[in-house]
Amino acid sequence: MPTPKDRVDYIDNWKKENTDLIRIRVKKGQKEKYQALADKAGMSLTAYITSVLEEKLKEEQ
């Protein structure tokens, strides 16, 4: 059975191979407003931001 460290290493490796990390900074107080929008949509903030970006990409094509 894998140890907890093995599991963390596996997950970290998977993330490196399969995802890109985007970090953004926003003005103080904006995060709470964005989080409220995500909560209203029943999504995490990351999922909400990603969905908005995907929607914009579809509009642009």
PDB file of N, CA and C in Angstrom:
ATOM      1  N   MET A   1       0.860  -1.181   0.000  1.00  0.00           N
ATOM      2  CA  MET A   1       0.000   0.000   0.000  1.00  0.00           C
ATOM      3  C   MET A   1       0.903   1.240   0.000  1.00  0.00           C
ATOM      4  N   PRO A   2       0.569   2.248  -0.846  1.00  0.00           N
ATOM      5  CA  PRO A   2       1.404   3.447  -0.896  1.00  0.00           C
ATOM      6  C   PRO A   2       1.325   4.251   0.407  1.00  0.00           C
ATOM      7  N   THR A   3       2.442   4.855   0.736  1.00  0.00           N
ATOM      8  CA  THR A   3       2.476   5.703   1.923  1.00  0.00           C
ATOM      9  C   THR A   3       1.845   7.052   1.583  1.00  0.00           C
ATOM     10  N   PRO A   4       1.473   7.827   2.587  1.00  0.00           N
ATOM     11  CA  PRO A   4       0.927   9.159   2.302  1.00  0.00           C
ATOM     12  C   PRO A   4       1.882  10.023   1.462  1.00  0.00           C
ATOM     13  N   LYS A   5       3.191   9.902   1.704  1.00  0.00           N
ATOM     14  CA  LYS A   5       4.154  10.671   0.913  1.00  0.00           C
ATOM     15  C   LYS A   5       4.143  10.230  -0.547  1.00  0.00           C
ATOM     16  N   ASP A   6       4.052   8.911  -0.786  1.00  0.00           N
ATOM     17  CA  ASP A   6       3.975   8.399  -2.152  1.00  0.00           C
ATOM     18  C   ASP A   6       2.745   8.961  -2.865  1.00  0.00           C
ATOM     19  N   ARG A   7       1.661   9.023  -2.137  1.00  0.00           N
ATOM     20  CA  ARG A   7       0.418   9.539  -2.722  1.00  0.00           C
ATOM     21  C   ARG A   7       0.562  11.012  -3.082  1.00  0.00           C
ATOM     22  N   VAL A   8       1.135  11.799  -2.186  1.00  0.00           N
ATOM     23  CA  VAL A   8       1.345  13.224  -2.446  1.00  0.00           C
ATOM     24  C   VAL A   8       2.287  13.405  -3.631  1.00  0.00           C
ATOM     25  N   ASP A   9       3.354  12.614  -3.684  1.00  0.00           N
ATOM     26  CA  ASP A   9       4.299  12.695  -4.803  1.00  0.00           C
ATOM     27  C   ASP A   9       3.612  12.363  -6.122  1.00  0.00           C
ATOM     28  N   TYR A  10       2.766  11.337  -6.116  1.00  0.00           N
ATOM     29  CA  TYR A  10       2.034  10.954  -7.325  1.00  0.00           C
ATOM     30  C   TYR A  10       1.123  12.089  -7.794  1.00  0.00           C
ATOM     31  N   ILE A  11       0.383  12.677  -6.863  1.00  0.00           N
ATOM     32  CA  ILE A  11      -0.534  13.766  -7.207  1.00  0.00           C
ATOM     33  C   ILE A  11       0.240  14.975  -7.730  1.00  0.00           C
ATOM     34  N   ASP A  12       1.343  15.330  -7.048  1.00  0.00           N
ATOM     35  CA  ASP A  12       2.158  16.456  -7.512  1.00  0.00           C
ATOM     36  C   ASP A  12       2.709  16.211  -8.899  1.00  0.00           C
ATOM     37  N   ASN A  13       3.178  14.999  -9.161  1.00  0.00           N
ATOM     38  CA  ASN A  13       3.702  14.659 -10.481  1.00  0.00           C
ATOM     39  C   ASN A  13       2.601  14.742 -11.534  1.00  0.00           C
ATOM     40  N   TRP A  14       1.407  14.227 -11.212  1.00  0.00           N
ATOM     41  CA  TRP A  14       0.293  14.284 -12.158  1.00  0.00           C
ATOM     42  C   TRP A  14      -0.044  15.732 -12.504  1.00  0.00           C
ATOM     43  N   LYS A  15      -0.087  16.591 -11.485  1.00  0.00           N
ATOM     44  CA  LYS A  15      -0.389  18.005 -11.711  1.00  0.00           C
ATOM     45  C   LYS A  15       0.634  18.645 -12.629  1.00  0.00           C
ATOM     46  N   LYS A  16       1.918  18.355 -12.408  1.00  0.00           N
ATOM     47  CA  LYS A  16       2.983  18.930 -13.242  1.00  0.00           C
ATOM     48  C   LYS A  16       2.861  18.491 -14.690  1.00  0.00           C
ATOM     49  N   GLU A  17       2.477  17.250 -14.901  1.00  0.00           N
ATOM     50  CA  GLU A  17       2.390  16.708 -16.250  1.00  0.00           C
ATOM     51  C   GLU A  17       1.098  17.082 -16.978  1.00  0.00           C
ATOM     52  N   ASN A  18       0.032  17.387 -16.242  1.00  0.00           N
ATOM     53  CA  ASN A  18      -1.277  17.530 -16.864  1.00  0.00           C
ATOM     54  C   ASN A  18      -1.938  18.888 -16.707  1.00  0.00           C
ATOM     55  N   THR A  19      -1.336  19.781 -15.956  1.00  0.00           N
ATOM     56  CA  THR A  19      -1.970  21.077 -15.746  1.00  0.00           C
ATOM     57  C   THR A  19      -0.947  22.202 -15.806  1.00  0.00           C
ATOM     58  N   ASP A  20      -1.437  23.402 -16.070  1.00  0.00           N
ATOM     59  CA  ASP A  20      -0.644  24.624 -15.973  1.00  0.00           C
ATOM     60  C   ASP A  20      -1.188  25.418 -14.795  1.00  0.00           C
ATOM     61  N   LEU A  21      -0.309  26.119 -14.117  1.00  0.00           N
ATOM     62  CA  LEU A  21      -0.700  26.922 -12.971  1.00  0.00           C
ATOM     63  C   LEU A  21      -0.748  28.388 -13.390  1.00  0.00           C
ATOM     64  N   ILE A  22      -1.866  29.037 -13.120  1.00  0.00           N
ATOM     65  CA  ILE A  22      -2.029  30.463 -13.382  1.00  0.00           C
ATOM     66  C   ILE A  22      -2.336  31.128 -12.053  1.00  0.00           C
ATOM     67  N   ARG A  23      -1.515  32.088 -11.666  1.00  0.00           N
ATOM     68  CA  ARG A  23      -1.758  32.828 -10.426  1.00  0.00           C
ATOM     69  C   ARG A  23      -2.099  34.256 -10.809  1.00  0.00           C
ATOM     70  N   ILE A  24      -3.110  34.798 -10.184  1.00  0.00           N
ATOM     71  CA  ILE A  24      -3.490  36.181 -10.469  1.00  0.00           C
ATOM     72  C   ILE A  24      -3.581  36.957  -9.162  1.00  0.00           C
ATOM     73  N   ARG A  25      -3.371  38.231  -9.273  1.00  0.00           N
ATOM     74  CA  ARG A  25      -3.549  39.123  -8.134  1.00  0.00           C
ATOM     75  C   ARG A  25      -4.666  40.095  -8.493  1.00  0.00           C
ATOM     76  N   VAL A  26      -5.492  40.393  -7.502  1.00  0.00           N
ATOM     77  CA  VAL A  26      -6.604  41.321  -7.692  1.00  0.00           C
ATOM     78  C   VAL A  26      -6.564  42.353  -6.569  1.00  0.00           C
ATOM     79  N   LYS A  27      -7.246  43.459  -6.779  1.00  0.00           N
ATOM     80  CA  LYS A  27      -7.299  44.496  -5.752  1.00  0.00           C
ATOM     81  C   LYS A  27      -7.950  43.950  -4.495  1.00  0.00           C
ATOM     82  N   LYS A  28      -7.525  44.489  -3.356  1.00  0.00           N
ATOM     83  CA  LYS A  28      -8.109  44.084  -2.072  1.00  0.00           C
ATOM     84  C   LYS A  28      -9.624  44.214  -2.132  1.00  0.00           C
ATOM     85  N   GLY A  29     -10.307  43.217  -1.632  1.00  0.00           N
ATOM     86  CA  GLY A  29     -11.762  43.233  -1.589  1.00  0.00           C
ATOM     87  C   GLY A  29     -12.415  42.589  -2.797  1.00  0.00           C
ATOM     88  N   GLN A  30     -11.699  42.490  -3.911  1.00  0.00           N
ATOM     89  CA  GLN A  30     -12.288  41.907  -5.120  1.00  0.00           C
ATOM     90  C   GLN A  30     -12.461  40.398  -4.986  1.00  0.00           C
ATOM     91  N   LYS A  31     -11.527  39.739  -4.314  1.00  0.00           N
ATOM     92  CA  LYS A  31     -11.607  38.284  -4.190  1.00  0.00           C
ATOM     93  C   LYS A  31     -12.934  37.881  -3.554  1.00  0.00           C
ATOM     94  N   GLU A  32     -13.345  38.603  -2.529  1.00  0.00           N
ATOM     95  CA  GLU A  32     -14.599  38.270  -1.853  1.00  0.00           C
ATOM     96  C   GLU A  32     -15.781  38.424  -2.804  1.00  0.00           C
ATOM     97  N   LYS A  33     -15.745  39.441  -3.646  1.00  0.00           N
ATOM     98  CA  LYS A  33     -16.826  39.633  -4.625  1.00  0.00           C
ATOM     99  C   LYS A  33     -16.842  38.492  -5.636  1.00  0.00           C
ATOM    100  N   TYR A  34     -15.653  38.104  -6.109  1.00  0.00           N
ATOM    101  CA  TYR A  34     -15.561  37.005  -7.068  1.00  0.00           C
ATOM    102  C   TYR A  34     -16.001  35.691  -6.420  1.00  0.00           C
ATOM    103  N   GLN A  35     -15.616  35.507  -5.160  1.00  0.00           N
ATOM    104  CA  GLN A  35     -16.006  34.284  -4.454  1.00  0.00           C
ATOM    105  C   GLN A  35     -17.518  34.208  -4.296  1.00  0.00           C
ATOM    106  N   ALA A  36     -18.149  35.351  -4.044  1.00  0.00           N
ATOM    107  CA  ALA A  36     -19.615  35.383  -3.920  1.00  0.00           C
ATOM    108  C   ALA A  36     -20.272  34.964  -5.235  1.00  0.00           C
ATOM    109  N   LEU A  37     -19.729  35.405  -6.358  1.00  0.00           N
ATOM    110  CA  LEU A  37     -20.265  34.990  -7.657  1.00  0.00           C
ATOM    111  C   LEU A  37     -20.117  33.485  -7.851  1.00  0.00           C
ATOM    112  N   ALA A  38     -18.954  32.967  -7.489  1.00  0.00           N
ATOM    113  CA  ALA A  38     -18.710  31.532  -7.622  1.00  0.00           C
ATOM    114  C   ALA A  38     -19.652  30.741  -6.716  1.00  0.00           C
ATOM    115  N   ASP A  39     -19.820  31.204  -5.484  1.00  0.00           N
ATOM    116  CA  ASP A  39     -20.727  30.528  -4.553  1.00  0.00           C
ATOM    117  C   ASP A  39     -22.150  30.508  -5.090  1.00  0.00           C
ATOM    118  N   LYS A  40     -22.577  31.631  -5.646  1.00  0.00           N
ATOM    119  CA  LYS A  40     -23.929  31.731  -6.208  1.00  0.00           C
ATOM    120  C   LYS A  40     -24.123  30.732  -7.345  1.00  0.00           C
ATOM    121  N   ALA A  41     -23.044  30.497  -8.114  1.00  0.00           N
ATOM    122  CA  ALA A  41     -23.107  29.544  -9.222  1.00  0.00           C
ATOM    123  C   ALA A  41     -22.882  28.108  -8.755  1.00  0.00           C
ATOM    124  N   GLY A  42     -22.587  27.924  -7.457  1.00  0.00           N
ATOM    125  CA  GLY A  42     -22.353  26.588  -6.926  1.00  0.00           C
ATOM    126  C   GLY A  42     -21.020  25.999  -7.372  1.00  0.00           C
ATOM    127  N   MET A  43     -20.037  26.869  -7.553  1.00  0.00           N
ATOM    128  CA  MET A  43     -18.741  26.431  -8.057  1.00  0.00           C
ATOM    129  C   MET A  43     -17.625  26.941  -7.156  1.00  0.00           C
ATOM    130  N   SER A  44     -16.466  26.307  -7.281  1.00  0.00           N
ATOM    131  CA  SER A  44     -15.278  26.851  -6.623  1.00  0.00           C
ATOM    132  C   SER A  44     -14.864  28.103  -7.404  1.00  0.00           C
ATOM    133  N   LEU A  45     -14.060  28.923  -6.780  1.00  0.00           N
ATOM    134  CA  LEU A  45     -13.600  30.132  -7.463  1.00  0.00           C
ATOM    135  C   LEU A  45     -12.794  29.771  -8.701  1.00  0.00           C
ATOM    136  N   THR A  46     -11.933  28.769  -8.598  1.00  0.00           N
ATOM    137  CA  THR A  46     -11.138  28.341  -9.753  1.00  0.00           C
ATOM    138  C   THR A  46     -12.035  27.849 -10.885  1.00  0.00           C
ATOM    139  N   ALA A  47     -13.012  27.022 -10.557  1.00  0.00           N
ATOM    140  CA  ALA A  47     -13.922  26.500 -11.581  1.00  0.00           C
ATOM    141  C   ALA A  47     -14.725  27.623 -12.213  1.00  0.00           C
ATOM    142  N   TYR A  48     -15.137  28.590 -11.408  1.00  0.00           N
ATOM    143  CA  TYR A  48     -15.917  29.706 -11.930  1.00  0.00           C
ATOM    144  C   TYR A  48     -15.089  30.550 -12.894  1.00  0.00           C
ATOM    145  N   ILE A  49     -13.883  30.897 -12.493  1.00  0.00           N
ATOM    146  CA  ILE A  49     -13.008  31.698 -13.356  1.00  0.00           C
ATOM    147  C   ILE A  49     -12.719  30.953 -14.651  1.00  0.00           C
ATOM    148  N   THR A  50     -12.437  29.663 -14.544  1.00  0.00           N
ATOM    149  CA  THR A  50     -12.168  28.859 -15.732  1.00  0.00           C
ATOM    150  C   THR A  50     -13.378  28.823 -16.655  1.00  0.00           C
ATOM    151  N   SER A  51     -14.578  28.678 -16.091  1.00  0.00           N
ATOM    152  CA  SER A  51     -15.780  28.619 -16.930  1.00  0.00           C
ATOM    153  C   SER A  51     -16.018  29.942 -17.650  1.00  0.00           C
ATOM    154  N   VAL A  52     -15.756  31.043 -16.977  1.00  0.00           N
ATOM    155  CA  VAL A  52     -15.913  32.355 -17.612  1.00  0.00           C
ATOM    156  C   VAL A  52     -14.913  32.504 -18.758  1.00  0.00           C
ATOM    157  N   LEU A  53     -13.681  32.085 -18.544  1.00  0.00           N
ATOM    158  CA  LEU A  53     -12.670  32.168 -19.595  1.00  0.00           C
ATOM    159  C   LEU A  53     -13.019  31.263 -20.771  1.00  0.00           C
ATOM    160  N   GLU A  54     -13.497  30.052 -20.497  1.00  0.00           N
ATOM    161  CA  GLU A  54     -13.898  29.135 -21.569  1.00  0.00           C
ATOM    162  C   GLU A  54     -15.052  29.709 -22.382  1.00  0.00           C
ATOM    163  N   GLU A  55     -16.011  30.326 -21.697  1.00  0.00           N
ATOM    164  CA  GLU A  55     -17.140  30.950 -22.385  1.00  0.00           C
ATOM    165  C   GLU A  55     -16.645  32.064 -23.310  1.00  0.00           C
ATOM    166  N   LYS A  56     -15.712  32.860 -22.824  1.00  0.00           N
ATOM    167  CA  LYS A  56     -15.158  33.955 -23.631  1.00  0.00           C
ATOM    168  C   LYS A  56     -14.420  33.400 -24.843  1.00  0.00           C
ATOM    169  N   LEU A  57     -13.681  32.300 -24.665  1.00  0.00           N
ATOM    170  CA  LEU A  57     -12.994  31.680 -25.785  1.00  0.00           C
ATOM    171  C   LEU A  57     -13.984  31.223 -26.867  1.00  0.00           C
ATOM    172  N   LYS A  58     -15.095  30.636 -26.448  1.00  0.00           N
ATOM    173  CA  LYS A  58     -16.108  30.184 -27.407  1.00  0.00           C
ATOM    174  C   LYS A  58     -16.686  31.365 -28.184  1.00  0.00           C
ATOM    175  N   GLU A  59     -16.902  32.500 -27.500  1.00  0.00           N
ATOM    176  CA  GLU A  59     -17.418  33.697 -28.155  1.00  0.00           C
ATOM    177  C   GLU A  59     -16.443  34.221 -29.196  1.00  0.00           C
ATOM    178  N   GLU A  60     -15.162  34.117 -28.917  1.00  0.00           N
ATOM    179  CA  GLU A  60     -14.130  34.651 -29.794  1.00  0.00           C
ATOM    180  C   GLU A  60     -13.923  33.808 -31.044  1.00  0.00           C
ATOM    181  N   GLN A  61     -14.324  32.540 -31.007  1.00  0.00           N
ATOM    182  CA  GLN A  61     -14.078  31.645 -32.148  1.00  0.00           C
ATOM    183  C   GLN A  61     -15.163  31.749 -33.180  1.00  0.00           C
TER     184      GLN A  61
END
